[in-house]
Amino acid sequence: MRAVEPIRIAELARQVPGQWVALRDGVIVEAASSLDQLMSALAVRCISDVTVMRSPVEDEAELVGLG
């Protein structure tokens, strides 16, 4: 059995504050300023197996507990 290293999402997110990012295997494969731009860039590159999230800016408030 191989050891699996945890993905440090917060560390990755700090690299591109305020951007929408696509992550795969602990690596940012694409980043863009809007979700539409990100999805278009992923489509052009035929990438579909990623996790998509928005990276907050440093002083942005967090929203927790929706629903």
PDB file of N, CA and C in Angstrom:
ATOM      1  N   MET A   1       0.843  -1.166   0.000  1.00  0.00           N
ATOM      2  CA  MET A   1       0.000   0.000   0.000  1.00  0.00           C
ATOM      3  C   MET A   1       0.898   1.242   0.000  1.00  0.00           C
ATOM      4  N   ARG A   2       0.564   2.221  -0.842  1.00  0.00           N
ATOM      5  CA  ARG A   2       1.381   3.430  -0.899  1.00  0.00           C
ATOM      6  C   ARG A   2       0.855   4.479   0.080  1.00  0.00           C
ATOM      7  N   ALA A   3       1.769   5.256   0.592  1.00  0.00           N
ATOM      8  CA  ALA A   3       1.403   6.330   1.506  1.00  0.00           C
ATOM      9  C   ALA A   3       0.817   7.493   0.718  1.00  0.00           C
ATOM     10  N   VAL A   4      -0.218   8.100   1.249  1.00  0.00           N
ATOM     11  CA  VAL A   4      -0.863   9.235   0.597  1.00  0.00           C
ATOM     12  C   VAL A   4      -0.590  10.481   1.423  1.00  0.00           C
ATOM     13  N   GLU A   5      -0.044  11.482   0.773  1.00  0.00           N
ATOM     14  CA  GLU A   5       0.242  12.747   1.437  1.00  0.00           C
ATOM     15  C   GLU A   5      -1.010  13.622   1.430  1.00  0.00           C
ATOM     16  N   PRO A   6      -1.286  14.324   2.514  1.00  0.00           N
ATOM     17  CA  PRO A   6      -2.448  15.222   2.527  1.00  0.00           C
ATOM     18  C   PRO A   6      -2.217  16.413   1.597  1.00  0.00           C
ATOM     19  N   ILE A   7      -3.283  16.876   1.000  1.00  0.00           N
ATOM     20  CA  ILE A   7      -3.221  18.053   0.134  1.00  0.00           C
ATOM     21  C   ILE A   7      -3.436  19.282   1.000  1.00  0.00           C
ATOM     22  N   ARG A   8      -2.561  20.217   0.928  1.00  0.00           N
ATOM     23  CA  ARG A   8      -2.634  21.445   1.720  1.00  0.00           C
ATOM     24  C   ARG A   8      -3.338  22.526   0.901  1.00  0.00           C
ATOM     25  N   ILE A   9      -4.677  22.471   0.901  1.00  0.00           N
ATOM     26  CA  ILE A   9      -5.463  23.373   0.067  1.00  0.00           C
ATOM     27  C   ILE A   9      -5.239  24.832   0.449  1.00  0.00           C
ATOM     28  N   ALA A  10      -5.154  25.134   1.740  1.00  0.00           N
ATOM     29  CA  ALA A  10      -4.953  26.527   2.161  1.00  0.00           C
ATOM     30  C   ALA A  10      -3.636  27.073   1.623  1.00  0.00           C
ATOM     31  N   GLU A  11      -2.598  26.265   1.633  1.00  0.00           N
ATOM     32  CA  GLU A  11      -1.304  26.705   1.101  1.00  0.00           C
ATOM     33  C   GLU A  11      -1.392  26.962  -0.396  1.00  0.00           C
ATOM     34  N   LEU A  12      -2.088  26.099  -1.110  1.00  0.00           N
ATOM     35  CA  LEU A  12      -2.259  26.296  -2.551  1.00  0.00           C
ATOM     36  C   LEU A  12      -3.067  27.561  -2.827  1.00  0.00           C
ATOM     37  N   ALA A  13      -4.128  27.753  -2.052  1.00  0.00           N
ATOM     38  CA  ALA A  13      -5.008  28.902  -2.270  1.00  0.00           C
ATOM     39  C   ALA A  13      -4.268  30.219  -2.081  1.00  0.00           C
ATOM     40  N   ARG A  14      -3.318  30.278  -1.167  1.00  0.00           N
ATOM     41  CA  ARG A  14      -2.565  31.515  -0.930  1.00  0.00           C
ATOM     42  C   ARG A  14      -1.730  31.933  -2.144  1.00  0.00           C
ATOM     43  N   GLN A  15      -1.467  31.009  -3.039  1.00  0.00           N
ATOM     44  CA  GLN A  15      -0.683  31.326  -4.235  1.00  0.00           C
ATOM     45  C   GLN A  15      -1.456  32.196  -5.224  1.00  0.00           C
ATOM     46  N   VAL A  16      -2.788  32.116  -5.191  1.00  0.00           N
ATOM     47  CA  VAL A  16      -3.626  32.829  -6.169  1.00  0.00           C
ATOM     48  C   VAL A  16      -4.836  33.474  -5.482  1.00  0.00           C
ATOM     49  N   PRO A  17      -4.619  34.441  -4.587  1.00  0.00           N
ATOM     50  CA  PRO A  17      -5.735  35.049  -3.861  1.00  0.00           C
ATOM     51  C   PRO A  17      -6.744  35.718  -4.793  1.00  0.00           C
ATOM     52  N   GLY A  18      -8.034  35.488  -4.508  1.00  0.00           N
ATOM     53  CA  GLY A  18      -9.106  36.091  -5.294  1.00  0.00           C
ATOM     54  C   GLY A  18      -9.388  35.411  -6.616  1.00  0.00           C
ATOM     55  N   GLN A  19      -8.724  34.318  -6.894  1.00  0.00           N
ATOM     56  CA  GLN A  19      -8.885  33.609  -8.171  1.00  0.00           C
ATOM     57  C   GLN A  19      -9.736  32.347  -7.993  1.00  0.00           C
ATOM     58  N   TRP A  20     -10.360  31.940  -9.069  1.00  0.00           N
ATOM     59  CA  TRP A  20     -10.994  30.626  -9.135  1.00  0.00           C
ATOM     60  C   TRP A  20      -9.911  29.651  -9.586  1.00  0.00           C
ATOM     61  N   VAL A  21      -9.810  28.509  -8.917  1.00  0.00           N
ATOM     62  CA  VAL A  21      -8.749  27.560  -9.231  1.00  0.00           C
ATOM     63  C   VAL A  21      -9.299  26.162  -9.465  1.00  0.00           C
ATOM     64  N   ALA A  22      -8.603  25.421 -10.303  1.00  0.00           N
ATOM     65  CA  ALA A  22      -8.897  24.009 -10.539  1.00  0.00           C
ATOM     66  C   ALA A  22      -7.714  23.224  -9.994  1.00  0.00           C
ATOM     67  N   LEU A  23      -7.998  22.280  -9.106  1.00  0.00           N
ATOM     68  CA  LEU A  23      -6.964  21.475  -8.460  1.00  0.00           C
ATOM     69  C   LEU A  23      -7.067  20.021  -8.896  1.00  0.00           C
ATOM     70  N   ARG A  24      -5.898  19.412  -9.073  1.00  0.00           N
ATOM     71  CA  ARG A  24      -5.843  17.972  -9.347  1.00  0.00           C
ATOM     72  C   ARG A  24      -4.597  17.427  -8.663  1.00  0.00           C
ATOM     73  N   ASP A  25      -4.791  16.415  -7.830  1.00  0.00           N
ATOM     74  CA  ASP A  25      -3.679  15.752  -7.141  1.00  0.00           C
ATOM     75  C   ASP A  25      -2.765  16.737  -6.414  1.00  0.00           C
ATOM     76  N   GLY A  26      -3.365  17.736  -5.769  1.00  0.00           N
ATOM     77  CA  GLY A  26      -2.583  18.677  -4.991  1.00  0.00           C
ATOM     78  C   GLY A  26      -1.845  19.722  -5.784  1.00  0.00           C
ATOM     79  N   VAL A  27      -2.229  19.906  -7.051  1.00  0.00           N
ATOM     80  CA  VAL A  27      -1.566  20.874  -7.930  1.00  0.00           C
ATOM     81  C   VAL A  27      -2.631  21.759  -8.572  1.00  0.00           C
ATOM     82  N   ILE A  28      -2.348  23.062  -8.664  1.00  0.00           N
ATOM     83  CA  ILE A  28      -3.237  23.960  -9.385  1.00  0.00           C
ATOM     84  C   ILE A  28      -2.992  23.756 -10.877  1.00  0.00           C
ATOM     85  N   VAL A  29      -4.017  23.296 -11.591  1.00  0.00           N
ATOM     86  CA  VAL A  29      -3.860  23.070 -13.032  1.00  0.00           C
ATOM     87  C   VAL A  29      -4.309  24.265 -13.861  1.00  0.00           C
ATOM     88  N   GLU A  30      -5.129  25.145 -13.252  1.00  0.00           N
ATOM     89  CA  GLU A  30      -5.590  26.340 -13.963  1.00  0.00           C
ATOM     90  C   GLU A  30      -6.132  27.315 -12.932  1.00  0.00           C
ATOM     91  N   ALA A  31      -6.021  28.603 -13.204  1.00  0.00           N
ATOM     92  CA  ALA A  31      -6.578  29.650 -12.352  1.00  0.00           C
ATOM     93  C   ALA A  31      -7.092  30.773 -13.238  1.00  0.00           C
ATOM     94  N   ALA A  32      -8.170  31.431 -12.795  1.00  0.00           N
ATOM     95  CA  ALA A  32      -8.753  32.534 -13.568  1.00  0.00           C
ATOM     96  C   ALA A  32      -9.506  33.461 -12.626  1.00  0.00           C
ATOM     97  N   SER A  33      -9.782  34.662 -13.091  1.00  0.00           N
ATOM     98  CA  SER A  33     -10.453  35.641 -12.235  1.00  0.00           C
ATOM     99  C   SER A  33     -11.956  35.431 -12.115  1.00  0.00           C
ATOM    100  N   SER A  34     -12.547  34.633 -12.996  1.00  0.00           N
ATOM    101  CA  SER A  34     -13.977  34.327 -12.883  1.00  0.00           C
ATOM    102  C   SER A  34     -14.197  32.841 -13.126  1.00  0.00           C
ATOM    103  N   LEU A  35     -15.311  32.366 -12.626  1.00  0.00           N
ATOM    104  CA  LEU A  35     -15.640  30.952 -12.818  1.00  0.00           C
ATOM    105  C   LEU A  35     -15.847  30.642 -14.295  1.00  0.00           C
ATOM    106  N   ASP A  36     -16.483  31.552 -15.018  1.00  0.00           N
ATOM    107  CA  ASP A  36     -16.685  31.341 -16.458  1.00  0.00           C
ATOM    108  C   ASP A  36     -15.355  31.217 -17.198  1.00  0.00           C
ATOM    109  N   GLN A  37     -14.402  32.087 -16.871  1.00  0.00           N
ATOM    110  CA  GLN A  37     -13.092  32.020 -17.520  1.00  0.00           C
ATOM    111  C   GLN A  37     -12.377  30.719 -17.186  1.00  0.00           C
ATOM    112  N   LEU A  38     -12.488  30.293 -15.931  1.00  0.00           N
ATOM    113  CA  LEU A  38     -11.855  29.044 -15.527  1.00  0.00           C
ATOM    114  C   LEU A  38     -12.451  27.859 -16.278  1.00  0.00           C
ATOM    115  N   MET A  39     -13.779  27.796 -16.321  1.00  0.00           N
ATOM    116  CA  MET A  39     -14.435  26.676 -16.991  1.00  0.00           C
ATOM    117  C   MET A  39     -14.116  26.658 -18.485  1.00  0.00           C
ATOM    118  N   SER A  40     -14.028  27.829 -19.096  1.00  0.00           N
ATOM    119  CA  SER A  40     -13.661  27.908 -20.517  1.00  0.00           C
ATOM    120  C   SER A  40     -12.239  27.406 -20.739  1.00  0.00           C
ATOM    121  N   ALA A  41     -11.317  27.824 -19.871  1.00  0.00           N
ATOM    122  CA  ALA A  41      -9.925  27.394 -20.008  1.00  0.00           C
ATOM    123  C   ALA A  41      -9.803  25.886 -19.824  1.00  0.00           C
ATOM    124  N   LEU A  42     -10.559  25.334 -18.879  1.00  0.00           N
ATOM    125  CA  LEU A  42     -10.530  23.884 -18.670  1.00  0.00           C
ATOM    126  C   LEU A  42     -11.104  23.149 -19.880  1.00  0.00           C
ATOM    127  N   ALA A  43     -12.164  23.691 -20.461  1.00  0.00           N
ATOM    128  CA  ALA A  43     -12.775  23.063 -21.636  1.00  0.00           C
ATOM    129  C   ALA A  43     -11.804  23.056 -22.810  1.00  0.00           C
ATOM    130  N   VAL A  44     -11.099  24.164 -23.019  1.00  0.00           N
ATOM    131  CA  VAL A  44     -10.128  24.248 -24.116  1.00  0.00           C
ATOM    132  C   VAL A  44      -9.040  23.197 -23.943  1.00  0.00           C
ATOM    133  N   ARG A  45      -8.639  22.969 -22.690  1.00  0.00           N
ATOM    134  CA  ARG A  45      -7.580  21.994 -22.403  1.00  0.00           C
ATOM    135  C   ARG A  45      -8.128  20.577 -22.196  1.00  0.00           C
ATOM    136  N   CYS A  46      -9.459  20.404 -22.373  1.00  0.00           N
ATOM    137  CA  CYS A  46     -10.127  19.095 -22.204  1.00  0.00           C
ATOM    138  C   CYS A  46      -9.855  18.500 -20.819  1.00  0.00           C
ATOM    139  N   ILE A  47      -9.923  19.345 -19.796  1.00  0.00           N
ATOM    140  CA  ILE A  47      -9.730  18.902 -18.420  1.00  0.00           C
ATOM    141  C   ILE A  47     -11.089  18.880 -17.731  1.00  0.00           C
ATOM    142  N   SER A  48     -11.452  17.729 -17.167  1.00  0.00           N
ATOM    143  CA  SER A  48     -12.746  17.636 -16.499  1.00  0.00           C
ATOM    144  C   SER A  48     -12.666  17.009 -15.110  1.00  0.00           C
ATOM    145  N   ASP A  49     -11.564  16.419 -14.763  1.00  0.00           N
ATOM    146  CA  ASP A  49     -11.465  15.700 -13.484  1.00  0.00           C
ATOM    147  C   ASP A  49     -10.692  16.516 -12.448  1.00  0.00           C
ATOM    148  N   VAL A  50     -11.269  17.660 -12.061  1.00  0.00           N
ATOM    149  CA  VAL A  50     -10.616  18.556 -11.117  1.00  0.00           C
ATOM    150  C   VAL A  50     -11.598  18.977 -10.018  1.00  0.00           C
ATOM    151  N   THR A  51     -11.048  19.510  -8.963  1.00  0.00           N
ATOM    152  CA  THR A  51     -11.838  20.157  -7.924  1.00  0.00           C
ATOM    153  C   THR A  51     -11.737  21.654  -8.168  1.00  0.00           C
ATOM    154  N   VAL A  52     -12.881  22.344  -8.155  1.00  0.00           N
ATOM    155  CA  VAL A  52     -12.909  23.776  -8.428  1.00  0.00           C
ATOM    156  C   VAL A  52     -13.298  24.517  -7.155  1.00  0.00           C
ATOM    157  N   MET A  53     -12.556  25.585  -6.866  1.00  0.00           N
ATOM    158  CA  MET A  53     -12.867  26.413  -5.700  1.00  0.00           C
ATOM    159  C   MET A  53     -12.392  27.836  -5.948  1.00  0.00           C
ATOM    160  N   ARG A  54     -12.904  28.754  -5.153  1.00  0.00           N
ATOM    161  CA  ARG A  54     -12.425  30.136  -5.211  1.00  0.00           C
ATOM    162  C   ARG A  54     -11.493  30.352  -4.040  1.00  0.00           C
ATOM    163  N   SER A  55     -10.363  30.938  -4.320  1.00  0.00           N
ATOM    164  CA  SER A  55      -9.373  31.237  -3.293  1.00  0.00           C
ATOM    165  C   SER A  55      -9.664  32.624  -2.725  1.00  0.00           C
ATOM    166  N   PRO A  56      -9.929  32.741  -1.437  1.00  0.00           N
ATOM    167  CA  PRO A  56     -10.252  34.051  -0.872  1.00  0.00           C
ATOM    168  C   PRO A  56      -9.024  34.954  -0.776  1.00  0.00           C
ATOM    169  N   VAL A  57      -9.278  36.263  -0.762  1.00  0.00           N
ATOM    170  CA  VAL A  57      -8.195  37.201  -0.475  1.00  0.00           C
ATOM    171  C   VAL A  57      -7.977  37.191   1.031  1.00  0.00           C
ATOM    172  N   GLU A  58      -6.845  37.682   1.473  1.00  0.00           N
ATOM    173  CA  GLU A  58      -6.449  37.529   2.873  1.00  0.00           C
ATOM    174  C   GLU A  58      -7.440  38.118   3.868  1.00  0.00           C
ATOM    175  N   ASP A  59      -8.002  39.277   3.603  1.00  0.00           N
ATOM    176  CA  ASP A  59      -8.898  39.904   4.573  1.00  0.00           C
ATOM    177  C   ASP A  59     -10.383  39.659   4.287  1.00  0.00           C
ATOM    178  N   GLU A  60     -10.689  38.705   3.437  1.00  0.00           N
ATOM    179  CA  GLU A  60     -12.072  38.390   3.083  1.00  0.00           C
ATOM    180  C   GLU A  60     -12.746  37.614   4.219  1.00  0.00           C
ATOM    181  N   ALA A  61     -13.964  37.999   4.541  1.00  0.00           N
ATOM    182  CA  ALA A  61     -14.718  37.306   5.594  1.00  0.00           C
ATOM    183  C   ALA A  61     -15.090  35.898   5.139  1.00  0.00           C
ATOM    184  N   GLU A  62     -15.124  34.957   6.064  1.00  0.00           N
ATOM    185  CA  GLU A  62     -15.529  33.595   5.759  1.00  0.00           C
ATOM    186  C   GLU A  62     -17.015  33.415   6.033  1.00  0.00           C
ATOM    187  N   LEU A  63     -17.679  32.673   5.195  1.00  0.00           N
ATOM    188  CA  LEU A  63     -19.085  32.372   5.357  1.00  0.00           C
ATOM    189  C   LEU A  63     -19.194  30.904   5.715  1.00  0.00           C
ATOM    190  N   VAL A  64     -19.707  30.622   6.895  1.00  0.00           N
ATOM    191  CA  VAL A  64     -19.749  29.254   7.397  1.00  0.00           C
ATOM    192  C   VAL A  64     -21.167  28.908   7.825  1.00  0.00           C
ATOM    193  N   GLY A  65     -21.570  27.681   7.577  1.00  0.00           N
ATOM    194  CA  GLY A  65     -22.834  27.184   8.106  1.00  0.00           C
ATOM    195  C   GLY A  65     -24.069  27.556   7.318  1.00  0.00           C
ATOM    196  N   LEU A  66     -23.967  27.563   5.994  1.00  0.00           N
ATOM    197  CA  LEU A  66     -25.155  27.816   5.183  1.00  0.00           C
ATOM    198  C   LEU A  66     -26.123  26.650   5.292  1.00  0.00           C
ATOM    199  N   GLY A  67     -27.398  26.943   5.288  1.00  0.00           N
ATOM    200  CA  GLY A  67     -28.398  25.880   5.252  1.00  0.00           C
ATOM    201  C   GLY A  67     -28.984  25.675   6.529  1.00  0.00           C
TER     202      GLY A  67
END
